[in-house]
Amino acid sequence: MSRVSRLLNRSLDVWRFTRVSDGMGGWIETWAKVGTVRARLSQPSATERTLADQTNVRLTHVAYLEPDAAVRRGDELRFSTRKFKVLATYEPSEPGTYLRAECEETQSAA
């Protein structure tokens, strides 16, 4: 167990754009769920929260994950109706502590 495990307070599904069988011998490219990870999402800044009242405004978040989480750039982290696109992942200066994922959320009108 990593040092941050007790702080990871949310389960997020990891979705990846991948090729899957179409059931007829061919392939289609689509989003597929590849796993679930424990994470902690940072809160957006005050400016981002103000702008989020508008349609299709992008919010940036940081997701903190277990150091061995199978998350990479291009994945989506999802829970409920929210989707966070992973822009990049970073390991801190002390390896094995946690994995940091820079994410972007797009909110659309309900």
PDB file of N, CA and C in Angstrom:
ATOM      1  N   MET A   1       0.850  -1.175   0.000  1.00  0.00           N
ATOM      2  CA  MET A   1       0.000   0.000   0.000  1.00  0.00           C
ATOM      3  C   MET A   1       0.901   1.245   0.000  1.00  0.00           C
ATOM      4  N   SER A   2       0.561   2.206  -0.866  1.00  0.00           N
ATOM      5  CA  SER A   2       1.361   3.425  -0.946  1.00  0.00           C
ATOM      6  C   SER A   2       1.000   4.384   0.189  1.00  0.00           C
ATOM      7  N   ARG A   3       1.795   5.413   0.313  1.00  0.00           N
ATOM      8  CA  ARG A   3       1.569   6.399   1.373  1.00  0.00           C
ATOM      9  C   ARG A   3       0.320   7.238   1.165  1.00  0.00           C
ATOM     10  N   VAL A   4      -0.191   7.284  -0.048  1.00  0.00           N
ATOM     11  CA  VAL A   4      -1.367   8.109  -0.322  1.00  0.00           C
ATOM     12  C   VAL A   4      -2.662   7.311  -0.358  1.00  0.00           C
ATOM     13  N   SER A   5      -2.604   6.013  -0.194  1.00  0.00           N
ATOM     14  CA  SER A   5      -3.795   5.162  -0.331  1.00  0.00           C
ATOM     15  C   SER A   5      -4.955   5.629   0.541  1.00  0.00           C
ATOM     16  N   ARG A   6      -4.680   6.025   1.757  1.00  0.00           N
ATOM     17  CA  ARG A   6      -5.755   6.425   2.670  1.00  0.00           C
ATOM     18  C   ARG A   6      -6.425   7.731   2.237  1.00  0.00           C
ATOM     19  N   LEU A   7      -5.783   8.498   1.364  1.00  0.00           N
ATOM     20  CA  LEU A   7      -6.332   9.772   0.891  1.00  0.00           C
ATOM     21  C   LEU A   7      -7.165   9.624  -0.387  1.00  0.00           C
ATOM     22  N   LEU A   8      -7.087   8.470  -1.020  1.00  0.00           N
ATOM     23  CA  LEU A   8      -7.795   8.254  -2.280  1.00  0.00           C
ATOM     24  C   LEU A   8      -9.237   7.897  -1.957  1.00  0.00           C
ATOM     25  N   ASN A   9     -10.117   8.864  -2.123  1.00  0.00           N
ATOM     26  CA  ASN A   9     -11.490   8.752  -1.621  1.00  0.00           C
ATOM     27  C   ASN A   9     -12.553   8.505  -2.685  1.00  0.00           C
ATOM     28  N   ARG A  10     -12.162   8.160  -3.908  1.00  0.00           N
ATOM     29  CA  ARG A  10     -13.144   7.996  -4.976  1.00  0.00           C
ATOM     30  C   ARG A  10     -12.703   6.858  -5.899  1.00  0.00           C
ATOM     31  N   SER A  11     -13.663   6.100  -6.387  1.00  0.00           N
ATOM     32  CA  SER A  11     -13.386   5.082  -7.404  1.00  0.00           C
ATOM     33  C   SER A  11     -13.732   5.670  -8.769  1.00  0.00           C
ATOM     34  N   LEU A  12     -12.792   5.583  -9.690  1.00  0.00           N
ATOM     35  CA  LEU A  12     -12.995   6.076 -11.042  1.00  0.00           C
ATOM     36  C   LEU A  12     -12.814   4.940 -12.025  1.00  0.00           C
ATOM     37  N   ASP A  13     -13.680   4.881 -13.027  1.00  0.00           N
ATOM     38  CA  ASP A  13     -13.529   3.899 -14.092  1.00  0.00           C
ATOM     39  C   ASP A  13     -12.554   4.454 -15.113  1.00  0.00           C
ATOM     40  N   VAL A  14     -11.670   3.598 -15.608  1.00  0.00           N
ATOM     41  CA  VAL A  14     -10.702   3.989 -16.635  1.00  0.00           C
ATOM     42  C   VAL A  14     -11.217   3.491 -17.973  1.00  0.00           C
ATOM     43  N   TRP A  15     -11.416   4.413 -18.906  1.00  0.00           N
ATOM     44  CA  TRP A  15     -11.876   4.096 -20.249  1.00  0.00           C
ATOM     45  C   TRP A  15     -10.775   4.447 -21.228  1.00  0.00           C
ATOM     46  N   ARG A  16     -10.594   3.601 -22.243  1.00  0.00           N
ATOM     47  CA  ARG A  16      -9.531   3.799 -23.226  1.00  0.00           C
ATOM     48  C   ARG A  16     -10.110   3.625 -24.633  1.00  0.00           C
ATOM     49  N   PHE A  17      -9.728   4.495 -25.538  1.00  0.00           N
ATOM     50  CA  PHE A  17     -10.150   4.382 -26.935  1.00  0.00           C
ATOM     51  C   PHE A  17      -9.369   3.228 -27.531  1.00  0.00           C
ATOM     52  N   THR A  18     -10.076   2.197 -27.969  1.00  0.00           N
ATOM     53  CA  THR A  18      -9.410   0.976 -28.402  1.00  0.00           C
ATOM     54  C   THR A  18     -10.202   0.274 -29.483  1.00  0.00           C
ATOM     55  N   ARG A  19      -9.584  -0.709 -30.099  1.00  0.00           N
ATOM     56  CA  ARG A  19     -10.274  -1.547 -31.086  1.00  0.00           C
ATOM     57  C   ARG A  19     -10.913  -2.726 -30.374  1.00  0.00           C
ATOM     58  N   VAL A  20     -12.169  -2.972 -30.697  1.00  0.00           N
ATOM     59  CA  VAL A  20     -12.872  -4.125 -30.130  1.00  0.00           C
ATOM     60  C   VAL A  20     -13.560  -4.884 -31.256  1.00  0.00           C
ATOM     61  N   SER A  21     -13.803  -6.150 -31.020  1.00  0.00           N
ATOM     62  CA  SER A  21     -14.462  -6.985 -32.010  1.00  0.00           C
ATOM     63  C   SER A  21     -15.887  -6.496 -32.237  1.00  0.00           C
ATOM     64  N   ASP A  22     -16.316  -6.520 -33.493  1.00  0.00           N
ATOM     65  CA  ASP A  22     -17.697  -6.131 -33.794  1.00  0.00           C
ATOM     66  C   ASP A  22     -18.633  -7.337 -33.779  1.00  0.00           C
ATOM     67  N   GLY A  23     -18.108  -8.518 -33.458  1.00  0.00           N
ATOM     68  CA  GLY A  23     -18.918  -9.719 -33.379  1.00  0.00           C
ATOM     69  C   GLY A  23     -19.132 -10.411 -34.715  1.00  0.00           C
ATOM     70  N   MET A  24     -18.603  -9.823 -35.784  1.00  0.00           N
ATOM     71  CA  MET A  24     -18.780 -10.410 -37.121  1.00  0.00           C
ATOM     72  C   MET A  24     -17.439 -10.597 -37.821  1.00  0.00           C
ATOM     73  N   GLY A  25     -16.370 -10.690 -37.048  1.00  0.00           N
ATOM     74  CA  GLY A  25     -15.045 -10.910 -37.620  1.00  0.00           C
ATOM     75  C   GLY A  25     -14.268  -9.647 -37.913  1.00  0.00           C
ATOM     76  N   GLY A  26     -14.852  -8.514 -37.644  1.00  0.00           N
ATOM     77  CA  GLY A  26     -14.169  -7.246 -37.882  1.00  0.00           C
ATOM     78  C   GLY A  26     -13.895  -6.513 -36.590  1.00  0.00           C
ATOM     79  N   TRP A  27     -13.499  -5.264 -36.725  1.00  0.00           N
ATOM     80  CA  TRP A  27     -13.148  -4.439 -35.564  1.00  0.00           C
ATOM     81  C   TRP A  27     -13.816  -3.080 -35.681  1.00  0.00           C
ATOM     82  N   ILE A  28     -14.105  -2.479 -34.547  1.00  0.00           N
ATOM     83  CA  ILE A  28     -14.549  -1.089 -34.499  1.00  0.00           C
ATOM     84  C   ILE A  28     -13.717  -0.382 -33.438  1.00  0.00           C
ATOM     85  N   GLU A  29     -13.542   0.901 -33.602  1.00  0.00           N
ATOM     86  CA  GLU A  29     -12.815   1.684 -32.604  1.00  0.00           C
ATOM     87  C   GLU A  29     -13.827   2.404 -31.739  1.00  0.00           C
ATOM     88  N   THR A  30     -13.696   2.218 -30.433  1.00  0.00           N
ATOM     89  CA  THR A  30     -14.647   2.796 -29.489  1.00  0.00           C
ATOM     90  C   THR A  30     -14.005   2.899 -28.115  1.00  0.00           C
ATOM     91  N   TRP A  31     -14.707   3.527 -27.178  1.00  0.00           N
ATOM     92  CA  TRP A  31     -14.248   3.593 -25.799  1.00  0.00           C
ATOM     93  C   TRP A  31     -14.601   2.283 -25.107  1.00  0.00           C
ATOM     94  N   ALA A  32     -13.659   1.720 -24.374  1.00  0.00           N
ATOM     95  CA  ALA A  32     -13.891   0.484 -23.635  1.00  0.00           C
ATOM     96  C   ALA A  32     -13.380   0.662 -22.206  1.00  0.00           C
ATOM     97  N   LYS A  33     -14.139   0.165 -21.245  1.00  0.00           N
ATOM     98  CA  LYS A  33     -13.707   0.227 -19.848  1.00  0.00           C
ATOM     99  C   LYS A  33     -12.600  -0.792 -19.644  1.00  0.00           C
ATOM    100  N   VAL A  34     -11.455  -0.325 -19.118  1.00  0.00           N
ATOM    101  CA  VAL A  34     -10.309  -1.210 -18.925  1.00  0.00           C
ATOM    102  C   VAL A  34      -9.985  -1.447 -17.455  1.00  0.00           C
ATOM    103  N   GLY A  35     -10.708  -0.793 -16.551  1.00  0.00           N
ATOM    104  CA  GLY A  35     -10.464  -1.021 -15.139  1.00  0.00           C
ATOM    105  C   GLY A  35     -11.055   0.061 -14.262  1.00  0.00           C
ATOM    106  N   THR A  36     -10.811  -0.087 -12.969  1.00  0.00           N
ATOM    107  CA  THR A  36     -11.251   0.881 -11.976  1.00  0.00           C
ATOM    108  C   THR A  36     -10.066   1.201 -11.077  1.00  0.00           C
ATOM    109  N   VAL A  37      -9.898   2.474 -10.744  1.00  0.00           N
ATOM    110  CA  VAL A  37      -8.789   2.898  -9.884  1.00  0.00           C
ATOM    111  C   VAL A  37      -9.321   3.749  -8.737  1.00  0.00           C
ATOM    112  N   ARG A  38      -8.576   3.771  -7.640  1.00  0.00           N
ATOM    113  CA  ARG A  38      -8.872   4.672  -6.528  1.00  0.00           C
ATOM    114  C   ARG A  38      -8.141   5.978  -6.804  1.00  0.00           C
ATOM    115  N   ALA A  39      -8.808   7.099  -6.522  1.00  0.00           N
ATOM    116  CA  ALA A  39      -8.215   8.400  -6.844  1.00  0.00           C
ATOM    117  C   ALA A  39      -8.727   9.483  -5.906  1.00  0.00           C
ATOM    118  N   ARG A  40      -8.047  10.602  -5.964  1.00  0.00           N
ATOM    119  CA  ARG A  40      -8.497  11.825  -5.306  1.00  0.00           C
ATOM    120  C   ARG A  40      -8.433  12.915  -6.359  1.00  0.00           C
ATOM    121  N   LEU A  41      -9.539  13.612  -6.561  1.00  0.00           N
ATOM    122  CA  LEU A  41      -9.595  14.694  -7.538  1.00  0.00           C
ATOM    123  C   LEU A  41      -9.460  16.033  -6.826  1.00  0.00           C
ATOM    124  N   SER A  42      -8.607  16.890  -7.374  1.00  0.00           N
ATOM    125  CA  SER A  42      -8.488  18.235  -6.815  1.00  0.00           C
ATOM    126  C   SER A  42      -9.697  19.057  -7.228  1.00  0.00           C
ATOM    127  N   GLN A  43      -9.937  20.133  -6.503  1.00  0.00           N
ATOM    128  CA  GLN A  43     -11.025  21.047  -6.836  1.00  0.00           C
ATOM    129  C   GLN A  43     -10.534  22.057  -7.869  1.00  0.00           C
ATOM    130  N   PRO A  44     -11.405  22.442  -8.797  1.00  0.00           N
ATOM    131  CA  PRO A  44     -11.015  23.492  -9.735  1.00  0.00           C
ATOM    132  C   PRO A  44     -10.865  24.831  -8.996  1.00  0.00           C
ATOM    133  N   SER A  45     -10.129  25.730  -9.607  1.00  0.00           N
ATOM    134  CA  SER A  45      -9.916  27.036  -8.988  1.00  0.00           C
ATOM    135  C   SER A  45     -11.208  27.851  -8.991  1.00  0.00           C
ATOM    136  N   ALA A  46     -11.222  28.958  -8.251  1.00  0.00           N
ATOM    137  CA  ALA A  46     -12.400  29.825  -8.186  1.00  0.00           C
ATOM    138  C   ALA A  46     -12.762  30.363  -9.568  1.00  0.00           C
ATOM    139  N   THR A  47     -11.767  30.727 -10.359  1.00  0.00           N
ATOM    140  CA  THR A  47     -12.027  31.226 -11.708  1.00  0.00           C
ATOM    141  C   THR A  47     -12.667  30.152 -12.563  1.00  0.00           C
ATOM    142  N   GLU A  48     -12.133  28.933 -12.468  1.00  0.00           N
ATOM    143  CA  GLU A  48     -12.701  27.841 -13.256  1.00  0.00           C
ATOM    144  C   GLU A  48     -14.130  27.525 -12.833  1.00  0.00           C
ATOM    145  N   ARG A  49     -14.413  27.608 -11.538  1.00  0.00           N
ATOM    146  CA  ARG A  49     -15.780  27.353 -11.069  1.00  0.00           C
ATOM    147  C   ARG A  49     -16.740  28.411 -11.600  1.00  0.00           C
ATOM    148  N   THR A  50     -16.291  29.654 -11.659  1.00  0.00           N
ATOM    149  CA  THR A  50     -17.137  30.727 -12.188  1.00  0.00           C
ATOM    150  C   THR A  50     -17.425  30.496 -13.668  1.00  0.00           C
ATOM    151  N   LEU A  51     -16.412  30.152 -14.420  1.00  0.00           N
ATOM    152  CA  LEU A  51     -16.579  29.913 -15.851  1.00  0.00           C
ATOM    153  C   LEU A  51     -17.394  28.649 -16.136  1.00  0.00           C
ATOM    154  N   ALA A  52     -17.413  27.725 -15.205  1.00  0.00           N
ATOM    155  CA  ALA A  52     -18.115  26.454 -15.426  1.00  0.00           C
ATOM    156  C   ALA A  52     -19.625  26.625 -15.516  1.00  0.00           C
ATOM    157  N   ASP A  53     -20.124  27.785 -15.138  1.00  0.00           N
ATOM    158  CA  ASP A  53     -21.549  28.040 -15.271  1.00  0.00           C
ATOM    159  C   ASP A  53     -21.958  28.181 -16.734  1.00  0.00           C
ATOM    160  N   GLN A  54     -20.985  28.363 -17.606  1.00  0.00           N
ATOM    161  CA  GLN A  54     -21.259  28.495 -19.025  1.00  0.00           C
ATOM    162  C   GLN A  54     -21.193  27.113 -19.692  1.00  0.00           C
ATOM    163  N   THR A  55     -21.862  26.968 -20.785  1.00  0.00           N
ATOM    164  CA  THR A  55     -21.880  25.692 -21.502  1.00  0.00           C
ATOM    165  C   THR A  55     -20.537  25.420 -22.171  1.00  0.00           C
ATOM    166  N   ASN A  56     -20.129  24.155 -22.122  1.00  0.00           N
ATOM    167  CA  ASN A  56     -18.910  23.659 -22.782  1.00  0.00           C
ATOM    168  C   ASN A  56     -17.629  24.351 -22.331  1.00  0.00           C
ATOM    169  N   VAL A  57     -17.542  24.694 -21.076  1.00  0.00           N
ATOM    170  CA  VAL A  57     -16.319  25.276 -20.528  1.00  0.00           C
ATOM    171  C   VAL A  57     -15.478  24.143 -19.957  1.00  0.00           C
ATOM    172  N   ARG A  58     -14.201  24.173 -20.222  1.00  0.00           N
ATOM    173  CA  ARG A  58     -13.311  23.113 -19.761  1.00  0.00           C
ATOM    174  C   ARG A  58     -12.749  23.433 -18.386  1.00  0.00           C
ATOM    175  N   LEU A  59     -12.792  22.444 -17.521  1.00  0.00           N
ATOM    176  CA  LEU A  59     -12.223  22.574 -16.183  1.00  0.00           C
ATOM    177  C   LEU A  59     -10.991  21.688 -16.090  1.00  0.00           C
ATOM    178  N   THR A  60      -9.957  22.170 -15.456  1.00  0.00           N
ATOM    179  CA  THR A  60      -8.779  21.338 -15.278  1.00  0.00           C
ATOM    180  C   THR A  60      -8.760  20.799 -13.852  1.00  0.00           C
ATOM    181  N   HIS A  61      -8.346  19.573 -13.732  1.00  0.00           N
ATOM    182  CA  HIS A  61      -8.274  18.881 -12.451  1.00  0.00           C
ATOM    183  C   HIS A  61      -6.969  18.116 -12.377  1.00  0.00           C
ATOM    184  N   VAL A  62      -6.583  17.803 -11.180  1.00  0.00           N
ATOM    185  CA  VAL A  62      -5.472  16.891 -10.958  1.00  0.00           C
ATOM    186  C   VAL A  62      -6.041  15.682 -10.251  1.00  0.00           C
ATOM    187  N   ALA A  63      -5.755  14.494 -10.789  1.00  0.00           N
ATOM    188  CA  ALA A  63      -6.162  13.252 -10.146  1.00  0.00           C
ATOM    189  C   ALA A  63      -4.914  12.621  -9.549  1.00  0.00           C
ATOM    190  N   TYR A  64      -4.974  12.298  -8.272  1.00  0.00           N
ATOM    191  CA  TYR A  64      -3.881  11.598  -7.597  1.00  0.00           C
ATOM    192  C   TYR A  64      -4.267  10.137  -7.501  1.00  0.00           C
ATOM    193  N   LEU A  65      -3.366   9.250  -7.941  1.00  0.00           N
ATOM    194  CA  LEU A  65      -3.651   7.831  -8.063  1.00  0.00           C
ATOM    195  C   LEU A  65      -2.564   7.005  -7.381  1.00  0.00           C
ATOM    196  N   GLU A  66      -2.851   5.710  -7.213  1.00  0.00           N
ATOM    197  CA  GLU A  66      -1.818   4.780  -6.740  1.00  0.00           C
ATOM    198  C   GLU A  66      -0.646   4.829  -7.726  1.00  0.00           C
ATOM    199  N   PRO A  67       0.584   4.623  -7.262  1.00  0.00           N
ATOM    200  CA  PRO A  67       1.737   4.731  -8.164  1.00  0.00           C
ATOM    201  C   PRO A  67       1.733   3.713  -9.312  1.00  0.00           C
ATOM    202  N   ASP A  68       1.052   2.593  -9.129  1.00  0.00           N
ATOM    203  CA  ASP A  68       1.030   1.564 -10.169  1.00  0.00           C
ATOM    204  C   ASP A  68      -0.282   1.551 -10.956  1.00  0.00           C
ATOM    205  N   ALA A  69      -1.066   2.616 -10.870  1.00  0.00           N
ATOM    206  CA  ALA A  69      -2.353   2.689 -11.583  1.00  0.00           C
ATOM    207  C   ALA A  69      -2.118   2.628 -13.092  1.00  0.00           C
ATOM    208  N   ALA A  70      -2.931   1.834 -13.770  1.00  0.00           N
ATOM    209  CA  ALA A  70      -2.816   1.660 -15.219  1.00  0.00           C
ATOM    210  C   ALA A  70      -3.589   2.772 -15.929  1.00  0.00           C
ATOM    211  N   VAL A  71      -3.081   3.983 -15.813  1.00  0.00           N
ATOM    212  CA  VAL A  71      -3.694   5.158 -16.439  1.00  0.00           C
ATOM    213  C   VAL A  71      -2.625   5.822 -17.289  1.00  0.00           C
ATOM    214  N   ARG A  72      -3.020   6.213 -18.502  1.00  0.00           N
ATOM    215  CA  ARG A  72      -2.054   6.860 -19.397  1.00  0.00           C
ATOM    216  C   ARG A  72      -2.717   7.992 -20.169  1.00  0.00           C
ATOM    217  N   ARG A  73      -1.896   8.788 -20.831  1.00  0.00           N
ATOM    218  CA  ARG A  73      -2.393   9.917 -21.611  1.00  0.00           C
ATOM    219  C   ARG A  73      -3.409   9.436 -22.638  1.00  0.00           C
ATOM    220  N   GLY A  74      -4.520  10.169 -22.760  1.00  0.00           N
ATOM    221  CA  GLY A  74      -5.559   9.813 -23.706  1.00  0.00           C
ATOM    222  C   GLY A  74      -6.708   9.034 -23.087  1.00  0.00           C
ATOM    223  N   ASP A  75      -6.490   8.457 -21.908  1.00  0.00           N
ATOM    224  CA  ASP A  75      -7.559   7.736 -21.217  1.00  0.00           C
ATOM    225  C   ASP A  75      -8.602   8.719 -20.712  1.00  0.00           C
ATOM    226  N   GLU A  76      -9.767   8.194 -20.352  1.00  0.00           N
ATOM    227  CA  GLU A  76     -10.785   8.976 -19.658  1.00  0.00           C
ATOM    228  C   GLU A  76     -11.035   8.344 -18.304  1.00  0.00           C
ATOM    229  N   LEU A  77     -11.101   9.187 -17.286  1.00  0.00           N
ATOM    230  CA  LEU A  77     -11.490   8.754 -15.952  1.00  0.00           C
ATOM    231  C   LEU A  77     -12.939   9.170 -15.784  1.00  0.00           C
ATOM    232  N   ARG A  78     -13.814   8.219 -15.411  1.00  0.00           N
ATOM    233  CA  ARG A  78     -15.243   8.517 -15.354  1.00  0.00           C
ATOM    234  C   ARG A  78     -15.847   8.089 -14.023  1.00  0.00           C
ATOM    235  N   PHE A  79     -16.808   8.863 -13.578  1.00  0.00           N
ATOM    236  CA  PHE A  79     -17.701   8.456 -12.503  1.00  0.00           C
ATOM    237  C   PHE A  79     -18.994   9.225 -12.682  1.00  0.00           C
ATOM    238  N   SER A  80     -20.089   8.563 -12.381  1.00  0.00           N
ATOM    239  CA  SER A  80     -21.409   9.137 -12.581  1.00  0.00           C
ATOM    240  C   SER A  80     -21.496   9.617 -14.037  1.00  0.00           C
ATOM    241  N   THR A  81     -21.864  10.854 -14.263  1.00  0.00           N
ATOM    242  CA  THR A  81     -21.951  11.378 -15.629  1.00  0.00           C
ATOM    243  C   THR A  81     -20.753  12.248 -15.985  1.00  0.00           C
ATOM    244  N   ARG A  82     -19.748  12.280 -15.133  1.00  0.00           N
ATOM    245  CA  ARG A  82     -18.584  13.144 -15.357  1.00  0.00           C
ATOM    246  C   ARG A  82     -17.462  12.374 -16.053  1.00  0.00           C
ATOM    247  N   LYS A  83     -16.763  13.078 -16.964  1.00  0.00           N
ATOM    248  CA  LYS A  83     -15.654  12.493 -17.712  1.00  0.00           C
ATOM    249  C   LYS A  83     -14.449  13.417 -17.624  1.00  0.00           C
ATOM    250  N   PHE A  84     -13.296  12.829 -17.341  1.00  0.00           N
ATOM    251  CA  PHE A  84     -12.047  13.574 -17.236  1.00  0.00           C
ATOM    252  C   PHE A  84     -11.047  12.974 -18.211  1.00  0.00           C
ATOM    253  N   LYS A  85     -10.640  13.745 -19.208  1.00  0.00           N
ATOM    254  CA  LYS A  85      -9.646  13.273 -20.170  1.00  0.00           C
ATOM    255  C   LYS A  85      -8.254  13.458 -19.566  1.00  0.00           C
ATOM    256  N   VAL A  86      -7.447  12.406 -19.603  1.00  0.00           N
ATOM    257  CA  VAL A  86      -6.087  12.468 -19.060  1.00  0.00           C
ATOM    258  C   VAL A  86      -5.175  13.099 -20.106  1.00  0.00           C
ATOM    259  N   LEU A  87      -4.609  14.260 -19.757  1.00  0.00           N
ATOM    260  CA  LEU A  87      -3.716  14.979 -20.664  1.00  0.00           C
ATOM    261  C   LEU A  87      -2.271  14.507 -20.513  1.00  0.00           C
ATOM    262  N   ALA A  88      -1.882  14.146 -19.291  1.00  0.00           N
ATOM    263  CA  ALA A  88      -0.519  13.692 -19.015  1.00  0.00           C
ATOM    264  C   ALA A  88      -0.482  13.038 -17.643  1.00  0.00           C
ATOM    265  N   THR A  89       0.497  12.178 -17.438  1.00  0.00           N
ATOM    266  CA  THR A  89       0.707  11.583 -16.115  1.00  0.00           C
ATOM    267  C   THR A  89       2.148  11.857 -15.686  1.00  0.00           C
ATOM    268  N   TYR A  90       2.321  12.062 -14.384  1.00  0.00           N
ATOM    269  CA  TYR A  90       3.633  12.371 -13.823  1.00  0.00           C
ATOM    270  C   TYR A  90       3.856  11.573 -12.550  1.00  0.00           C
ATOM    271  N   GLU A  91       5.099  11.218 -12.316  1.00  0.00           N
ATOM    272  CA  GLU A  91       5.490  10.612 -11.055  1.00  0.00           C
ATOM    273  C   GLU A  91       6.250  11.682 -10.274  1.00  0.00           C
ATOM    274  N   PRO A  92       6.035  11.789  -8.967  1.00  0.00           N
ATOM    275  CA  PRO A  92       6.745  12.826  -8.211  1.00  0.00           C
ATOM    276  C   PRO A  92       8.235  12.515  -8.124  1.00  0.00           C
ATOM    277  N   SER A  93       8.984  13.420  -7.511  1.00  0.00           N
ATOM    278  CA  SER A  93      10.428  13.238  -7.427  1.00  0.00           C
ATOM    279  C   SER A  93      10.823  12.002  -6.629  1.00  0.00           C
ATOM    280  N   GLU A  94       9.945  11.512  -5.772  1.00  0.00           N
ATOM    281  CA  GLU A  94      10.221  10.282  -5.036  1.00  0.00           C
ATOM    282  C   GLU A  94       9.372   9.161  -5.646  1.00  0.00           C
ATOM    283  N   PRO A  95       9.990   8.308  -6.459  1.00  0.00           N
ATOM    284  CA  PRO A  95       9.242   7.257  -7.152  1.00  0.00           C
ATOM    285  C   PRO A  95       8.471   6.353  -6.191  1.00  0.00           C
ATOM    286  N   GLY A  96       7.313   5.873  -6.663  1.00  0.00           N
ATOM    287  CA  GLY A  96       6.517   4.952  -5.870  1.00  0.00           C
ATOM    288  C   GLY A  96       5.611   5.613  -4.854  1.00  0.00           C
ATOM    289  N   THR A  97       5.554   6.950  -4.841  1.00  0.00           N
ATOM    290  CA  THR A  97       4.710   7.655  -3.884  1.00  0.00           C
ATOM    291  C   THR A  97       3.279   7.748  -4.389  1.00  0.00           C
ATOM    292  N   TYR A  98       3.090   8.279  -5.591  1.00  0.00           N
ATOM    293  CA  TYR A  98       1.776   8.385  -6.214  1.00  0.00           C
ATOM    294  C   TYR A  98       1.963   8.688  -7.688  1.00  0.00           C
ATOM    295  N   LEU A  99       0.883   8.630  -8.434  1.00  0.00           N
ATOM    296  CA  LEU A  99       0.871   9.021  -9.832  1.00  0.00           C
ATOM    297  C   LEU A  99      -0.057  10.220  -9.949  1.00  0.00           C
ATOM    298  N   ARG A 100       0.404  11.250 -10.597  1.00  0.00           N
ATOM    299  CA  ARG A 100      -0.387  12.466 -10.780  1.00  0.00           C
ATOM    300  C   ARG A 100      -0.854  12.521 -12.226  1.00  0.00           C
ATOM    301  N   ALA A 101      -2.152  12.694 -12.438  1.00  0.00           N
ATOM    302  CA  ALA A 101      -2.706  12.785 -13.779  1.00  0.00           C
ATOM    303  C   ALA A 101      -3.342  14.148 -13.975  1.00  0.00           C
ATOM    304  N   GLU A 102      -2.842  14.894 -14.948  1.00  0.00           N
ATOM    305  CA  GLU A 102      -3.449  16.171 -15.304  1.00  0.00           C
ATOM    306  C   GLU A 102      -4.663  15.864 -16.174  1.00  0.00           C
ATOM    307  N   CYS A 103      -5.826  16.345 -15.782  1.00  0.00           N
ATOM    308  CA  CYS A 103      -7.067  16.002 -16.473  1.00  0.00           C
ATOM    309  C   CYS A 103      -7.834  17.242 -16.892  1.00  0.00           C
ATOM    310  N   GLU A 104      -8.715  17.038 -17.841  1.00  0.00           N
ATOM    311  CA  GLU A 104      -9.570  18.114 -18.316  1.00  0.00           C
ATOM    312  C   GLU A 104     -11.002  17.598 -18.380  1.00  0.00           C
ATOM    313  N   GLU A 105     -11.921  18.372 -17.822  1.00  0.00           N
ATOM    314  CA  GLU A 105     -13.321  17.996 -17.833  1.00  0.00           C
ATOM    315  C   GLU A 105     -14.083  18.993 -18.694  1.00  0.00           C
ATOM    316  N   THR A 106     -14.984  18.484 -19.520  1.00  0.00           N
ATOM    317  CA  THR A 106     -15.863  19.349 -20.292  1.00  0.00           C
ATOM    318  C   THR A 106     -17.279  19.158 -19.796  1.00  0.00           C
ATOM    319  N   GLN A 107     -17.892  20.242 -19.362  1.00  0.00           N
ATOM    320  CA  GLN A 107     -19.270  20.181 -18.915  1.00  0.00           C
ATOM    321  C   GLN A 107     -20.155  20.650 -20.047  1.00  0.00           C
ATOM    322  N   SER A 108     -21.219  19.907 -20.289  1.00  0.00           N
ATOM    323  CA  SER A 108     -22.155  20.322 -21.317  1.00  0.00           C
ATOM    324  C   SER A 108     -23.505  20.620 -20.679  1.00  0.00           C
ATOM    325  N   ALA A 109     -24.331  21.322 -21.406  1.00  0.00           N
ATOM    326  CA  ALA A 109     -25.646  21.692 -20.888  1.00  0.00           C
ATOM    327  C   ALA A 109     -26.483  20.450 -20.630  1.00  0.00           C
ATOM    328  N   ALA A 110     -27.274  20.493 -19.589  1.00  0.00           N
ATOM    329  CA  ALA A 110     -28.108  19.335 -19.247  1.00  0.00           C
ATOM    330  C   ALA A 110     -29.351  19.265 -20.091  1.00  0.00           C
TER     331      ALA A 110
END
